[in-house]
N, C-alpha and C. Protein backbone atom coordinates (compact mmCIF):
# COMPACT_ATOMS: atom_id res chain seq x y z
N MET A 1 0.84 -1.17 0.02
CA MET A 1 -0.07 0.17 0.06
C MET A 1 0.94 1.06 0.06
N VAL A 2 0.62 2.13 -0.97
CA VAL A 2 1.34 3.46 -1.01
C VAL A 2 0.65 4.61 -0.38
N PHE A 3 1.30 5.24 0.86
CA PHE A 3 0.63 6.30 1.61
C PHE A 3 0.78 7.72 0.81
N PRO A 4 -0.19 8.40 0.69
CA PRO A 4 0.22 9.97 -0.06
C PRO A 4 0.80 10.55 0.90
N TYR A 5 1.29 11.53 0.11
CA TYR A 5 1.89 12.88 1.07
C TYR A 5 1.15 13.92 0.45
N PHE A 6 1.30 15.25 1.38
CA PHE A 6 0.30 16.27 1.34
C PHE A 6 1.18 17.20 1.54
N VAL A 7 0.89 18.51 0.86
CA VAL A 7 1.55 19.70 1.10
C VAL A 7 0.11 20.50 1.52
N TYR A 8 0.38 21.47 2.69
CA TYR A 8 -0.66 21.93 3.40
C TYR A 8 -0.05 23.60 3.55
N VAL A 9 -1.19 24.60 3.59
CA VAL A 9 -0.85 25.90 3.75
C VAL A 9 -1.79 26.23 5.24
N VAL A 10 -1.04 26.80 6.18
CA VAL A 10 -1.86 27.41 7.11
C VAL A 10 -1.39 29.03 7.38
N LEU A 11 -2.70 29.46 7.79
CA LEU A 11 -3.05 30.78 7.84
C LEU A 11 -2.26 31.11 9.58
N CYS A 12 -1.44 32.03 9.55
CA CYS A 12 -0.98 31.91 10.81
C CYS A 12 -1.32 33.56 11.80
N GLU A 13 -0.97 33.75 12.97
CA GLU A 13 -1.38 35.34 13.40
C GLU A 13 -0.60 36.15 12.40
N GLY A 14 -0.93 37.33 12.44
CA GLY A 14 -0.48 38.19 11.44
C GLY A 14 -0.61 38.31 9.78
N ASP A 15 -1.95 37.41 9.91
CA ASP A 15 -2.15 37.20 8.39
C ASP A 15 -0.87 36.77 7.68
N THR A 16 -0.10 35.89 8.23
CA THR A 16 0.87 35.18 7.57
C THR A 16 0.83 33.69 7.04
N TYR A 17 1.36 33.08 6.10
CA TYR A 17 1.28 31.66 5.68
C TYR A 17 2.45 30.88 6.06
N TYR A 18 2.38 29.55 6.25
CA TYR A 18 3.35 28.75 6.63
C TYR A 18 2.75 27.48 5.61
N THR A 19 3.79 27.07 4.89
CA THR A 19 3.59 25.94 3.95
C THR A 19 4.68 24.66 4.50
N GLY A 20 3.87 23.78 4.36
CA GLY A 20 4.77 22.62 4.74
C GLY A 20 4.29 21.26 3.85
N HIS A 21 4.90 20.11 4.31
CA HIS A 21 4.56 18.67 3.67
C HIS A 21 4.76 17.74 4.72
N ALA A 22 3.54 16.82 4.52
CA ALA A 22 3.61 15.71 5.83
C ALA A 22 2.58 14.50 5.25
N LYS A 23 3.00 13.19 5.73
CA LYS A 23 2.24 12.35 5.33
C LYS A 23 0.88 12.28 6.17
N ASP A 24 0.68 12.81 7.27
CA ASP A 24 -0.53 13.07 8.24
C ASP A 24 -0.53 14.39 8.52
N VAL A 25 -1.30 15.14 7.77
CA VAL A 25 -1.48 16.77 8.07
C VAL A 25 -2.08 16.78 9.18
N GLU A 26 -3.19 16.18 9.88
CA GLU A 26 -3.80 16.48 11.01
C GLU A 26 -2.75 16.06 12.34
N LYS A 27 -1.76 15.09 12.22
CA LYS A 27 -0.88 14.88 13.14
C LYS A 27 0.11 16.24 12.94
N ARG A 28 0.32 16.57 11.72
CA ARG A 28 1.39 17.78 11.96
C ARG A 28 0.69 19.02 12.21
N ILE A 29 -0.43 19.24 12.03
CA ILE A 29 -1.06 20.38 12.72
C ILE A 29 -1.23 20.50 14.02
N ARG A 30 -1.51 19.32 14.65
CA ARG A 30 -1.54 19.36 15.92
C ARG A 30 0.04 19.22 16.69
N GLN A 31 1.03 18.92 15.97
CA GLN A 31 2.56 19.61 16.48
C GLN A 31 2.49 20.90 16.45
N HIS A 32 2.14 21.78 15.31
CA HIS A 32 2.32 23.11 15.41
C HIS A 32 1.38 23.62 16.37
N LEU A 33 0.41 23.06 16.51
CA LEU A 33 -0.58 23.83 17.99
C LEU A 33 -0.17 23.64 19.11
N ASN A 34 0.80 22.40 19.32
CA ASN A 34 1.25 22.28 20.69
C ASN A 34 2.67 22.55 20.74
N GLY A 35 3.28 23.56 19.91
CA GLY A 35 4.52 24.32 20.03
C GLY A 35 5.55 23.48 19.21
N GLY A 36 5.31 22.39 18.75
CA GLY A 36 6.28 21.70 18.25
C GLY A 36 6.53 21.82 16.68
N GLY A 37 7.53 21.31 16.05
CA GLY A 37 7.42 21.41 14.77
C GLY A 37 8.37 22.46 14.07
N ALA A 38 7.88 23.47 13.08
CA ALA A 38 8.59 24.43 12.50
C ALA A 38 8.60 25.70 13.60
N ARG A 39 9.84 26.24 13.44
CA ARG A 39 10.26 27.53 14.37
C ARG A 39 9.13 28.34 14.17
N TYR A 40 8.83 28.76 12.59
CA TYR A 40 7.88 29.68 12.23
C TYR A 40 6.69 29.73 13.25
N THR A 41 5.95 28.60 13.17
CA THR A 41 5.07 28.28 13.72
C THR A 41 4.89 28.22 15.12
N ARG A 42 6.09 28.37 15.62
CA ARG A 42 6.20 28.54 17.22
C ARG A 42 6.01 30.06 17.46
N MET A 43 6.51 30.84 16.56
CA MET A 43 6.63 32.09 16.54
C MET A 43 5.35 32.97 16.02
N HIS A 44 4.61 32.42 15.06
CA HIS A 44 3.31 32.72 14.58
C HIS A 44 2.46 31.81 14.73
N LYS A 45 1.43 31.83 15.67
CA LYS A 45 0.56 30.61 15.94
C LYS A 45 -0.03 30.46 14.73
N PRO A 46 -0.46 29.09 14.57
CA PRO A 46 -1.22 28.85 13.47
C PRO A 46 -2.88 29.16 13.94
N LYS A 47 -3.25 29.83 12.75
CA LYS A 47 -5.02 29.81 13.06
C LYS A 47 -5.83 28.88 12.19
N ARG A 48 -5.79 28.62 11.06
CA ARG A 48 -6.67 28.03 10.44
C ARG A 48 -5.71 27.11 9.08
N LEU A 49 -5.96 25.78 8.75
CA LEU A 49 -5.61 25.22 7.75
C LEU A 49 -6.24 25.83 6.67
N VAL A 50 -5.77 26.36 5.61
CA VAL A 50 -6.35 27.25 4.35
C VAL A 50 -6.38 26.37 2.91
N TYR A 51 -5.26 25.13 3.17
CA TYR A 51 -5.19 24.63 1.67
C TYR A 51 -4.24 23.10 1.79
N VAL A 52 -4.57 22.03 1.35
CA VAL A 52 -4.27 20.82 1.24
C VAL A 52 -4.11 20.10 -0.11
N GLU A 53 -3.00 19.62 -0.80
CA GLU A 53 -3.19 18.95 -1.71
C GLU A 53 -2.39 17.70 -1.57
N GLU A 54 -2.77 16.52 -2.29
CA GLU A 54 -2.32 15.19 -2.24
C GLU A 54 -1.35 14.90 -3.52
N PHE A 55 -0.27 14.11 -2.97
CA PHE A 55 0.74 13.55 -4.08
C PHE A 55 1.18 12.22 -3.60
N ALA A 56 1.71 11.43 -4.71
CA ALA A 56 1.96 10.26 -4.63
C ALA A 56 2.97 9.84 -4.15
N THR A 57 4.09 10.93 -4.10
CA THR A 57 5.41 10.69 -3.70
C THR A 57 5.81 11.85 -2.78
N ARG A 58 6.71 11.52 -1.83
CA ARG A 58 7.26 12.54 -1.05
C ARG A 58 8.08 13.87 -2.08
N ARG A 59 8.65 13.42 -3.02
CA ARG A 59 9.38 14.19 -4.12
C ARG A 59 8.53 15.06 -4.66
N ALA A 60 7.35 14.49 -5.15
CA ALA A 60 6.63 15.55 -5.75
C ALA A 60 5.76 16.64 -4.95
N ALA A 61 5.79 15.96 -3.40
CA ALA A 61 5.09 16.82 -2.40
C ALA A 61 5.86 18.16 -2.13
N MET A 62 7.52 17.56 -1.94
CA MET A 62 8.52 18.67 -1.79
C MET A 62 8.87 19.71 -2.89
N LYS A 63 8.25 19.13 -4.16
CA LYS A 63 8.37 20.06 -5.24
C LYS A 63 7.39 21.36 -5.15
N ARG A 64 6.22 20.62 -5.02
CA ARG A 64 5.06 21.50 -4.83
C ARG A 64 5.13 22.57 -3.71
N GLU A 65 5.61 22.10 -2.49
CA GLU A 65 5.74 22.86 -1.36
C GLU A 65 6.98 24.10 -1.82
N LYS A 66 8.02 23.45 -2.54
CA LYS A 66 8.88 24.96 -2.79
C LYS A 66 8.35 25.84 -4.00
N GLU A 67 7.37 25.50 -4.67
CA GLU A 67 6.48 26.23 -5.59
C GLU A 67 5.75 27.46 -4.73
N ILE A 68 5.03 26.71 -4.16
CA ILE A 68 4.21 27.71 -3.11
C ILE A 68 4.81 28.53 -2.38
N LYS A 69 6.17 28.09 -1.74
CA LYS A 69 6.57 29.01 -1.05
C LYS A 69 7.19 30.16 -1.82
N ARG A 70 7.20 30.05 -3.20
CA ARG A 70 7.91 31.17 -3.79
C ARG A 70 6.76 32.22 -4.28
N LEU A 71 5.43 31.60 -4.02
CA LEU A 71 4.29 32.31 -4.17
C LEU A 71 4.35 33.68 -3.65
N SER A 72 3.63 34.73 -4.01
CA SER A 72 3.32 36.00 -3.14
C SER A 72 2.40 35.87 -2.36
N HIS A 73 2.27 37.06 -1.26
CA HIS A 73 1.24 36.58 -0.40
C HIS A 73 -0.15 36.66 -0.85
N ASP A 74 -0.62 37.41 -1.80
CA ASP A 74 -1.74 37.40 -2.55
C ASP A 74 -1.94 36.26 -3.23
N GLU A 75 -1.00 35.50 -3.91
CA GLU A 75 -1.35 34.63 -4.67
C GLU A 75 -1.60 33.22 -3.61
N LYS A 76 -0.86 33.40 -2.53
CA LYS A 76 -1.15 32.21 -1.48
C LYS A 76 -2.60 32.66 -0.86
N ARG A 77 -2.99 33.63 -1.00
CA ARG A 77 -4.27 33.94 -0.55
C ARG A 77 -5.42 33.55 -1.38
N LYS A 78 -4.91 33.66 -2.62
CA LYS A 78 -6.03 33.17 -3.89
C LYS A 78 -5.97 31.79 -3.80
N LEU A 79 -4.79 31.20 -3.54
CA LEU A 79 -4.91 29.79 -3.61
C LEU A 79 -5.56 28.88 -2.69
N ALA A 80 -5.38 29.65 -1.21
CA ALA A 80 -6.04 29.22 0.08
C ALA A 80 -7.71 29.22 -0.19
N THR A 81 -8.13 30.50 -0.90
CA THR A 81 -9.63 30.45 -1.13
C THR A 81 -10.24 29.79 -2.20
N SER A 82 -9.43 29.10 -2.97
CA SER A 82 -9.73 28.02 -4.07
C SER A 82 -9.95 26.64 -3.33
N ASN A 83 -9.43 26.44 -2.16
CA ASN A 83 -9.39 24.85 -1.42
C ASN A 83 -10.18 24.90 -0.43
N LEU A 84 -11.10 26.01 -0.17
CA LEU A 84 -11.84 26.10 1.02
C LEU A 84 -12.83 24.83 1.49
N SER A 85 -13.09 24.01 0.54
CA SER A 85 -14.11 23.07 0.85
C SER A 85 -13.39 21.78 1.56
N VAL A 86 -12.00 21.75 1.54
CA VAL A 86 -11.29 20.50 1.86
C VAL A 86 -10.83 21.09 3.40
N CYS A 87 -10.73 22.13 3.77
CA CYS A 87 -9.92 22.63 4.80
C CYS A 87 -10.82 23.05 6.29
N SER A 88 -10.34 22.92 7.45
CA SER A 88 -11.14 23.09 8.51
C SER A 88 -10.59 23.80 9.39
N GLU A 89 -11.38 24.58 10.40
CA GLU A 89 -11.01 25.52 11.20
C GLU A 89 -9.87 24.56 12.45
N ILE A 90 -8.75 25.15 12.60
CA ILE A 90 -7.71 24.34 13.56
C ILE A 90 -7.85 25.01 15.10
N ILE A 91 -8.34 26.19 15.42
CA ILE A 91 -8.31 26.76 16.42
C ILE A 91 -9.09 26.27 17.68
């Protein structure tokens, strides 16, 4: 059985975005909320999961993560609003 990888974007305090990749998005979001994981989310508290995209391989997920990280703030906002149906409140 092949387990998918995910790229996710979290809206953080200060209207900033954090982008990451994980096998288990829910578990990773819990880590961020509990002060673990990325230094960025320890400094900028996560408010809401705003985007999730699934990939068959870690390599593909990491490539997409880099692409998203290069987007402007407005482009990330547009991406987030295009995906609202699959995301949920995490606060």
